[in-house]
Protein backbone atom coordinates (compact mmCIF):
# COMPACT_ATOMS: atom_id res chain seq x y z
CA MET A 1 87.32 11.81 12.62
CA SER A 2 87.98 11.05 8.95
CA GLU A 3 86.79 13.37 6.23
CA PHE A 4 83.52 12.41 4.52
CA LYS A 5 83.75 12.97 0.77
CA LEU A 6 81.31 12.01 -1.96
CA TYR A 7 82.28 11.90 -5.62
CA THR A 8 80.06 12.32 -8.66
CA ILE A 9 79.99 9.78 -11.47
CA ASP A 10 81.90 12.26 -13.63
CA GLU A 11 84.62 12.74 -10.99
CA VAL A 12 85.11 9.00 -10.54
CA ALA A 13 85.20 8.48 -14.32
CA GLY A 14 87.94 11.11 -14.52
CA ILE A 15 89.93 9.54 -11.68
CA LEU A 16 89.73 6.06 -13.24
CA LYS A 17 90.14 7.35 -16.83
CA VAL A 18 87.02 5.49 -18.01
CA THR A 19 83.64 6.57 -19.36
CA GLN A 20 80.64 7.41 -17.22
CA ARG A 21 78.88 4.36 -18.71
CA THR A 22 81.67 2.14 -17.32
CA ILE A 23 81.11 3.60 -13.83
CA TYR A 24 77.37 2.94 -14.12
CA ASN A 25 78.16 -0.64 -15.16
CA TYR A 26 80.46 -1.07 -12.12
CA ILE A 27 77.65 0.19 -9.87
CA LYS A 28 74.99 -1.99 -11.50
CA SER A 29 77.16 -5.11 -11.24
CA GLY A 30 77.93 -4.40 -7.58
CA MET A 31 81.66 -3.91 -8.13
CA LEU A 32 81.48 -0.29 -6.97
CA LYS A 33 79.23 0.74 -4.10
CA ALA A 34 77.26 3.94 -4.66
CA ILE A 35 74.29 5.73 -3.20
CA LYS A 36 71.56 7.57 -5.05
CA ILE A 37 70.66 10.99 -3.71
CA GLY A 38 67.59 12.21 -5.55
CA LYS A 39 68.33 11.36 -9.16
CA TYR A 40 72.11 11.54 -8.83
CA TRP A 41 74.58 8.79 -7.91
CA ARG A 42 77.39 9.49 -5.44
CA ILE A 43 80.39 7.37 -4.49
CA ASN A 44 81.87 7.59 -1.00
CA HIS A 45 85.64 8.17 -0.81
CA VAL A 46 86.11 5.05 1.34
CA ASP A 47 84.23 2.90 -1.19
CA LEU A 48 86.28 4.31 -4.08
CA GLU A 49 89.54 3.61 -2.19
CA ARG A 50 88.41 0.03 -1.52
CA PHE A 51 87.52 -0.41 -5.20
CA LEU A 52 90.93 0.92 -6.26
CA GLN A 53 92.76 -1.45 -3.88
CA THR A 54 90.78 -4.61 -4.58
CA GLY A 55 88.99 -4.05 -7.87
CA THR A 56 85.68 -4.63 -6.11
CA ASN A 57 83.71 -3.52 -3.08
CA LEU A 58 82.77 -7.03 -2.00
């Protein structure tokens, strides 16, 4: 079974070397898939890998 990892907006911004606002824009536009848990957004490791490979989650 593969490991299930969720990243915070801040962690993803650090990985991609962009601002948090850019990550929110990627999520809002549908380029990056994320889930909201309570009031916080989380990005699944698989979705981040897909985004890094293709530039989108579509």
